[in-house]
């Protein structure tokens, strides 16, 4: 191998000497009015060398800058992973002014230090709206809805397809009870979201429409039909059955309730329906017929609502202590016991989110963790 290298070197030298011998004559150069005699091969050699040296210097300087940038970025990420948030911020801050993607990492360090509001004052690169959307997300988590909305709208003005901003504005609209705006944002989200979450976003859309039907009574049937077409969520089906009962179509309501039992979501649906005493009486025959398929917690709640205390006694040993206490207090003829039962009923929260937040009745969005569809019946499992 060394012998071959020597041969190549000798051949190169020989060729260079031949080139010099063939171009060993002078040419005249004029530079600022002065004439010079320069060997032609020197001019060619200088031009050839300059063509390599200048690009090399350019890329060398650029590589030094990029190396410094990469080193700062890697150090910042390393500090962040190890819990040194102030050091991480120091390493990443200068890079955040150049690259918006780095600013997203810096935001993480600021949030961990509890300084999300300071992030609004720092001069990050914000050309694409990435920083604005993430700041909005953290402000939304901090319950600062007004500033969160401003950040999300700023992000959308720079990028109308920013999903983080659209989801944030959807959540804000729902929390502020601007349901039509919430529906509009969710329609955009379904069109833009990735395939893996399409089904989940359709479920959210269905529940938002069902929730909207409870508020916008003039378009109730239209909204519910659209909700059922999007996704047959248990909440949507419960509100649809409730609507059928309210308009007097008991036969169709019972038909839909049979379908609910067939797919195994009867407990959640009945837990929503049980809040309306008048509607419960209309489907009581189905409840009695299929009571073996209903969870005791849900069944006792229905019987308490309808004051069917003789039906409750055989089930008391199968329910939780809070519900047992409510049932006993509600059955009593003493005013003090009844008052106690009413207070306990208000405190009893059978719906619980995966984050631990409890609710008296079902809502599609958890206000604490801002997640959709994670609220389930406490201690009750359905097939679906």
Protein backbone atom coordinates (compact mmCIF):
# COMPACT_ATOMS: atom_id res chain seq x y z
CA UNK A 1 0.00 0.00 0.00
CA UNK A 2 2.88 2.40 0.91
CA UNK A 3 4.62 1.56 -2.39
CA UNK A 4 1.48 2.57 -4.30
CA UNK A 5 1.33 5.87 -2.40
CA UNK A 6 4.98 6.59 -3.27
CA UNK A 7 4.29 5.86 -6.96
CA UNK A 8 1.29 8.20 -6.94
CA UNK A 9 3.36 10.95 -5.28
CA UNK A 10 6.20 10.54 -7.78
CA UNK A 11 3.76 10.58 -10.68
CA UNK A 12 2.17 13.78 -9.34
CA UNK A 13 5.60 15.46 -8.99
CA UNK A 14 6.60 14.38 -12.50
CA UNK A 15 3.38 15.72 -13.98
CA UNK A 16 3.84 18.99 -12.08
CA UNK A 17 7.43 19.36 -13.40
CA UNK A 18 6.24 18.65 -16.94
CA UNK A 19 3.55 21.32 -16.48
CA UNK A 20 6.19 23.83 -15.26
CA UNK A 21 8.50 22.96 -18.20
CA UNK A 22 5.68 23.46 -20.71
CA UNK A 23 4.60 26.81 -19.21
CA UNK A 24 7.95 28.29 -18.25
CA UNK A 25 7.32 31.54 -20.08
CA UNK A 26 6.22 34.91 -18.79
CA UNK A 27 3.06 36.91 -19.29
CA UNK A 28 2.57 40.62 -18.62
CA UNK A 29 0.05 41.72 -15.99
CA UNK A 30 -1.21 45.29 -15.55
CA UNK A 31 -2.28 46.22 -12.03
CA UNK A 32 -3.15 49.87 -11.18
CA UNK A 33 -1.12 51.10 -14.13
CA UNK A 34 1.94 49.04 -13.27
CA UNK A 35 3.17 46.18 -15.45
CA UNK A 36 4.55 42.94 -14.10
CA UNK A 37 6.19 39.92 -15.75
CA UNK A 38 4.86 36.76 -14.11
CA UNK A 39 5.40 33.12 -15.10
CA UNK A 40 2.18 31.68 -16.53
CA UNK A 41 2.33 28.54 -14.39
CA UNK A 42 2.46 30.70 -11.23
CA UNK A 43 -0.77 32.45 -12.25
CA UNK A 44 -2.48 29.14 -12.97
CA UNK A 45 -1.17 27.60 -9.75
CA UNK A 46 -2.28 30.63 -7.70
CA UNK A 47 -5.77 30.58 -9.23
CA UNK A 48 -6.06 26.86 -8.66
CA UNK A 49 -4.95 27.20 -5.00
CA UNK A 50 -7.23 30.19 -4.39
CA UNK A 51 -10.19 28.18 -5.66
CA UNK A 52 -9.60 25.70 -2.84
CA UNK A 53 -8.45 28.04 -0.08
CA UNK A 54 -11.39 30.48 -0.11
CA UNK A 55 -14.17 27.85 0.06
CA UNK A 56 -12.16 25.99 2.69
CA UNK A 57 -11.88 29.09 4.87
CA UNK A 58 -15.59 29.87 4.41
CA UNK A 59 -16.73 26.39 5.40
CA UNK A 60 -14.17 26.21 8.21
CA UNK A 61 -15.54 29.38 9.82
CA UNK A 62 -19.10 28.17 9.29
CA UNK A 63 -18.26 24.79 10.79
CA UNK A 64 -16.70 26.46 13.86
CA UNK A 65 -19.92 28.42 14.39
CA UNK A 66 -22.07 25.34 13.86
CA UNK A 67 -19.87 23.34 16.24
CA UNK A 68 -20.27 26.01 18.90
CA UNK A 69 -24.03 26.05 18.30
CA UNK A 70 -24.26 22.25 18.54
CA UNK A 71 -22.11 22.16 21.66
CA UNK A 72 -24.32 24.74 23.39
CA UNK A 73 -27.46 22.88 22.32
CA UNK A 74 -26.17 19.51 23.53
CA UNK A 75 -24.99 20.97 26.84
CA UNK A 76 -28.34 22.68 27.33
CA UNK A 77 -30.30 19.49 26.68
CA UNK A 78 -27.96 17.58 28.98
CA UNK A 79 -28.45 20.11 31.81
CA UNK A 80 -32.21 20.02 31.26
CA UNK A 81 -32.31 16.21 31.46
CA UNK A 82 -30.22 16.25 34.65
CA UNK A 83 -32.42 18.84 36.35
CA UNK A 84 -30.10 21.87 36.09
CA UNK A 85 -32.69 24.22 34.63
CA UNK A 86 -30.84 27.50 35.14
CA UNK A 87 -27.71 26.13 33.47
CA UNK A 88 -29.86 24.77 30.65
CA UNK A 89 -31.43 28.18 30.14
CA UNK A 90 -28.00 29.85 30.08
CA UNK A 91 -26.72 27.47 27.38
CA UNK A 92 -29.84 27.63 25.24
CA UNK A 93 -30.86 31.27 25.47
CA UNK A 94 -28.52 32.68 22.80
CA UNK A 95 -29.35 29.84 20.40
CA UNK A 96 -33.06 30.47 20.98
CA UNK A 97 -32.73 33.89 19.37
CA UNK A 98 -31.52 32.27 16.16
CA UNK A 99 -33.58 29.09 15.96
CA UNK A 100 -37.20 28.90 17.07
CA UNK A 101 -36.93 25.13 17.58
CA UNK A 102 -34.28 25.69 20.28
CA UNK A 103 -36.58 28.21 21.97
CA UNK A 104 -39.08 25.39 22.51
CA UNK A 105 -36.49 23.53 24.59
CA UNK A 106 -35.62 26.71 26.51
CA UNK A 107 -39.30 27.13 27.37
CA UNK A 108 -39.20 23.74 29.10
CA UNK A 109 -36.41 25.00 31.37
CA UNK A 110 -38.37 28.18 32.16
CA UNK A 111 -41.54 26.23 32.96
CA UNK A 112 -39.65 23.91 35.30
CA UNK A 113 -38.38 27.00 37.13
CA UNK A 114 -41.93 28.39 37.34
CA UNK A 115 -41.06 31.35 35.10
CA UNK A 116 -43.46 30.90 32.18
CA UNK A 117 -44.45 34.59 32.32
CA UNK A 118 -40.82 35.64 31.86
CA UNK A 119 -40.81 33.65 28.61
CA UNK A 120 -43.18 36.25 27.12
CA UNK A 121 -40.59 38.98 27.70
CA UNK A 122 -37.56 37.16 26.27
CA UNK A 123 -36.54 37.85 22.67
CA UNK A 124 -37.01 34.41 21.19
CA UNK A 125 -37.24 33.75 17.49
CA UNK A 126 -41.02 33.65 16.90
CA UNK A 127 -41.30 33.75 13.13
CA UNK A 128 -43.29 30.53 12.73
CA UNK A 129 -45.54 30.78 15.78
CA UNK A 130 -44.09 27.68 17.45
CA UNK A 131 -43.06 29.56 20.58
CA UNK A 132 -46.38 31.41 20.82
CA UNK A 133 -48.34 28.15 20.61
CA UNK A 134 -46.26 26.46 23.32
CA UNK A 135 -46.40 29.50 25.62
CA UNK A 136 -50.18 29.49 25.12
CA UNK A 137 -50.31 25.81 26.08
CA UNK A 138 -48.41 26.44 29.34
CA UNK A 139 -50.53 29.50 30.15
CA UNK A 140 -53.66 27.45 29.57
CA UNK A 141 -52.37 24.85 32.03
CA UNK A 142 -51.75 27.70 34.48
CA UNK A 143 -55.43 28.79 34.05
CA UNK A 144 -54.45 32.20 32.63
CA UNK A 145 -57.04 31.97 29.88
CA UNK A 146 -56.82 35.51 28.53
CA UNK A 147 -53.04 35.49 27.95
CA UNK A 148 -53.25 31.92 26.64
CA UNK A 149 -55.81 33.02 24.06
CA UNK A 150 -53.59 35.91 22.96
CA UNK A 151 -50.64 33.56 22.48
CA UNK A 152 -52.70 31.01 20.54
CA UNK A 153 -54.17 33.67 18.25
CA UNK A 154 -50.68 35.07 17.64
CA UNK A 155 -49.48 31.58 16.68
CA UNK A 156 -52.42 31.09 14.29
CA UNK A 157 -51.77 34.44 12.62
CA UNK A 158 -48.32 33.11 11.65
CA UNK A 159 -49.41 29.52 10.90
CA UNK A 160 -53.15 28.78 10.42
CA UNK A 161 -52.39 25.03 10.57
CA UNK A 162 -50.78 25.03 14.02
CA UNK A 163 -52.60 22.14 15.74
CA UNK A 164 -51.38 23.07 19.22
CA UNK A 165 -52.92 26.52 18.88
CA UNK A 166 -56.16 25.17 17.40
CA UNK A 167 -56.55 22.61 20.20
CA UNK A 168 -55.81 25.27 22.80
CA UNK A 169 -58.44 27.62 21.40
CA UNK A 170 -60.91 24.74 21.23
CA UNK A 171 -60.36 23.99 24.91
CA UNK A 172 -60.66 27.67 25.84
CA UNK A 173 -63.89 28.01 23.88
CA UNK A 174 -65.36 25.01 25.68
CA UNK A 175 -64.31 26.30 29.11
CA UNK A 176 -65.80 29.72 28.32
CA UNK A 177 -69.00 28.02 27.06
CA UNK A 178 -68.61 29.46 23.55
CA UNK A 179 -69.70 26.10 22.16
CA UNK A 180 -70.25 27.08 18.52
CA UNK A 181 -66.71 28.43 18.32
CA UNK A 182 -65.49 25.23 19.98
CA UNK A 183 -67.29 23.19 17.29
CA UNK A 184 -65.68 25.28 14.53
CA UNK A 185 -62.19 24.75 15.93
CA UNK A 186 -62.79 21.01 16.33
CA UNK A 187 -63.87 20.72 12.68
CA UNK A 188 -60.54 22.25 11.64
CA UNK A 189 -58.66 19.92 13.98
CA UNK A 190 -60.27 16.83 12.43
CA UNK A 191 -59.19 17.96 8.97
CA UNK A 192 -55.60 18.66 10.03
CA UNK A 193 -54.84 15.98 12.63
CA UNK A 194 -52.74 12.92 11.83
CA UNK A 195 -54.28 9.57 11.02
CA UNK A 196 -53.39 8.00 14.40
CA UNK A 197 -55.61 10.46 16.33
CA UNK A 198 -58.39 10.92 13.78
CA UNK A 199 -60.73 8.52 15.57
CA UNK A 200 -60.15 10.17 18.93
CA UNK A 201 -60.80 13.64 17.50
CA UNK A 202 -64.04 12.44 15.95
CA UNK A 203 -65.13 11.26 19.39
CA UNK A 204 -64.31 14.69 20.83
CA UNK A 205 -66.29 16.30 18.00
CA UNK A 206 -69.25 14.04 18.72
CA UNK A 207 -69.26 14.89 22.43
CA UNK A 208 -68.86 18.62 21.80
CA UNK A 209 -71.86 18.55 19.45
CA UNK A 210 -73.91 16.59 22.01
CA UNK A 211 -72.93 19.08 24.70
CA UNK A 212 -73.85 21.94 22.36
CA UNK A 213 -77.29 20.39 21.80
CA UNK A 214 -78.02 20.79 25.52
CA UNK A 215 -77.32 24.53 25.28
CA UNK A 216 -78.55 25.38 21.76
CA UNK A 217 -82.03 23.92 21.95
CA UNK A 218 -83.20 25.41 18.65
CA UNK A 219 -80.76 23.21 16.65
CA UNK A 220 -80.83 20.27 19.03
CA UNK A 221 -81.89 17.46 16.71
CA UNK A 222 -79.60 18.60 13.90
CA UNK A 223 -76.61 18.78 16.24
CA UNK A 224 -77.32 15.35 17.76
CA UNK A 225 -77.68 13.64 14.38
CA UNK A 226 -74.41 15.18 13.27
CA UNK A 227 -72.81 14.02 16.52
CA UNK A 228 -74.00 10.42 16.02
CA UNK A 229 -72.73 10.44 12.43
CA UNK A 230 -69.29 11.55 13.63
CA UNK A 231 -68.88 9.00 16.45
CA UNK A 232 -71.23 6.99 18.67
CA UNK A 233 -69.76 8.03 22.02
CA UNK A 234 -71.66 6.90 25.14
CA UNK A 235 -72.30 10.52 26.12
CA UNK A 236 -73.75 11.29 22.68
CA UNK A 237 -76.01 8.24 22.83
CA UNK A 238 -77.22 9.19 26.31
CA UNK A 239 -78.11 12.72 25.20
CA UNK A 240 -79.84 11.33 22.10
CA UNK A 241 -82.01 8.99 24.21
CA UNK A 242 -82.77 11.86 26.56
CA UNK A 243 -83.85 14.00 23.59
CA UNK A 244 -86.11 11.23 22.24
CA UNK A 245 -87.78 10.90 25.63
CA UNK A 246 -88.28 14.65 25.94
CA UNK A 247 -90.00 14.88 22.57
CA UNK A 248 -92.21 11.91 23.44
CA UNK A 249 -90.72 9.27 21.15
CA UNK A 250 -90.53 6.66 23.94
CA UNK A 251 -90.57 3.70 21.55
CA UNK A 252 -87.47 4.88 19.66
CA UNK A 253 -85.78 5.83 22.93
CA UNK A 254 -86.26 2.30 24.28
CA UNK A 255 -84.96 0.89 21.01
CA UNK A 256 -81.79 2.97 21.35
CA UNK A 257 -81.48 1.93 25.01
CA UNK A 258 -81.61 -1.74 23.97
CA UNK A 259 -78.70 -1.06 21.63
CA UNK A 260 -76.81 0.53 24.51
CA UNK A 261 -77.24 -2.66 26.56
CA UNK A 262 -76.16 -4.78 23.60
CA UNK A 263 -72.81 -2.99 23.30
CA UNK A 264 -72.25 -2.87 27.07
CA UNK A 265 -72.21 0.86 27.82
CA UNK A 266 -75.47 0.87 29.82
CA UNK A 267 -73.91 1.92 33.12
CA UNK A 268 -72.43 5.16 31.79
CA UNK A 269 -75.53 5.98 29.75
CA UNK A 270 -77.90 5.35 32.67
CA UNK A 271 -75.65 7.33 35.00
CA UNK A 272 -76.22 10.32 32.71
CA UNK A 273 -79.96 9.67 32.29
CA UNK A 274 -80.60 9.13 36.01
CA UNK A 275 -80.38 12.86 36.69
CA UNK A 276 -83.78 13.39 35.06
CA UNK A 277 -86.48 11.81 37.24
CA UNK A 278 -89.29 12.24 34.71
CA UNK A 279 -87.34 10.51 31.91
CA UNK A 280 -86.33 7.65 34.17
CA UNK A 281 -89.94 6.71 34.79
CA UNK A 282 -90.46 6.37 31.02
CA UNK A 283 -87.76 3.67 30.73
CA UNK A 284 -88.26 2.05 34.12
CA UNK A 285 -89.64 -1.16 32.58
CA UNK A 286 -86.36 -1.75 30.71
CA UNK A 287 -84.33 -0.95 33.83
CA UNK A 288 -86.30 -3.49 35.87
CA UNK A 289 -86.08 -6.09 33.11
CA UNK A 290 -82.31 -5.74 32.75
CA UNK A 291 -81.31 -4.76 36.27
CA UNK A 292 -78.96 -7.74 36.50
CA UNK A 293 -76.85 -6.10 33.78
CA UNK A 294 -76.66 -2.79 35.62
CA UNK A 295 -73.95 -2.02 38.14
CA UNK A 296 -75.34 -1.74 41.72
CA UNK A 297 -73.87 1.77 42.11
CA UNK A 298 -75.82 3.01 39.09
CA UNK A 299 -78.95 1.04 39.99
CA UNK A 300 -79.06 2.38 43.56
CA UNK A 301 -78.55 5.95 42.26
CA UNK A 302 -81.59 5.46 40.01
CA UNK A 303 -83.70 4.06 42.84
CA UNK A 304 -82.73 6.95 45.13
CA UNK A 305 -83.77 9.42 42.44
CA UNK A 306 -87.16 7.70 42.12
CA UNK A 307 -87.51 7.15 45.90
CA UNK A 308 -87.84 3.37 45.41
CA UNK A 309 -86.31 2.57 48.79
CA UNK A 310 -87.70 -0.98 48.99
CA UNK A 311 -85.63 -1.80 45.89
CA UNK A 312 -82.50 -0.34 47.45
CA UNK A 313 -82.23 -2.50 50.59
CA UNK A 314 -81.10 -5.74 48.85
CA UNK A 315 -78.34 -3.76 47.10
CA UNK A 316 -76.90 -1.80 50.02
CA UNK A 317 -74.13 -4.32 50.72
CA UNK A 318 -72.97 -4.05 47.10
CA UNK A 319 -72.43 -0.30 46.92
CA UNK A 320 -69.80 2.11 48.24
CA UNK A 321 -70.10 3.63 51.72
CA UNK A 322 -70.90 7.17 50.50
CA UNK A 323 -73.79 5.94 48.34
CA UNK A 324 -75.03 3.68 51.14
CA UNK A 325 -75.10 6.67 53.49
CA UNK A 326 -76.97 8.77 50.93
CA UNK A 327 -79.56 6.00 50.47
CA UNK A 328 -80.15 5.61 54.23
CA UNK A 329 -80.36 9.38 54.79
CA UNK A 330 -82.75 9.85 51.87
CA UNK A 331 -85.08 7.13 53.16
CA UNK A 332 -85.37 8.68 56.62
CA UNK A 333 -88.45 10.74 57.53
CA UNK A 334 -86.48 13.05 59.79
CA UNK A 335 -85.79 16.49 58.33
CA UNK A 336 -82.22 16.48 59.62
CA UNK A 337 -81.46 13.16 57.92
CA UNK A 338 -83.04 14.32 54.67
CA UNK A 339 -81.03 17.54 54.74
CA UNK A 340 -77.93 15.48 55.41
CA UNK A 341 -78.78 13.24 52.45
CA UNK A 342 -79.23 16.22 50.14
CA UNK A 343 -75.85 17.64 51.17
CA UNK A 344 -74.18 14.27 50.70
CA UNK A 345 -75.80 13.96 47.27
CA UNK A 346 -74.18 17.23 46.22
CA UNK A 347 -70.83 16.08 47.56
CA UNK A 348 -71.09 12.65 45.94
CA UNK A 349 -69.07 12.70 42.71
CA UNK A 350 -69.32 9.41 40.84
CA UNK A 351 -67.44 10.65 37.76
CA UNK A 352 -63.67 10.80 38.04
CA UNK A 353 -60.92 11.72 35.58
CA UNK A 354 -57.65 9.80 35.27
CA UNK A 355 -55.95 12.84 36.84
CA UNK A 356 -58.06 12.39 40.00
CA UNK A 357 -60.52 15.28 39.53
CA UNK A 358 -64.10 14.31 40.45
CA UNK A 359 -67.42 15.49 39.01
CA UNK A 360 -71.09 15.25 39.96
CA UNK A 361 -72.07 14.75 36.33
CA UNK A 362 -70.26 13.84 33.13
CA UNK A 363 -68.42 16.53 31.14
CA UNK A 364 -66.40 15.85 27.98
CA UNK A 365 -63.39 17.96 29.07
CA UNK A 366 -61.62 17.75 32.42
CA UNK A 367 -60.95 21.30 33.62
CA UNK A 368 -58.00 20.21 35.71
CA UNK A 369 -55.83 18.30 33.23
CA UNK A 370 -57.54 19.56 30.04
CA UNK A 371 -57.95 16.12 28.50
CA UNK A 372 -60.99 14.90 26.60
CA UNK A 373 -62.90 11.67 27.21
CA UNK A 374 -60.92 10.57 30.29
CA UNK A 375 -63.79 10.97 32.76
CA UNK A 376 -65.29 7.62 33.80
CA UNK A 377 -67.65 6.25 36.44
CA UNK A 378 -65.85 5.60 39.70
CA UNK A 379 -65.62 1.85 40.42
CA UNK A 380 -67.83 0.92 37.46
CA UNK A 381 -66.54 -1.00 34.48
CA UNK A 382 -68.45 -1.38 31.23
CA UNK A 383 -67.73 -3.68 28.32
CA UNK A 384 -66.99 -0.68 26.11
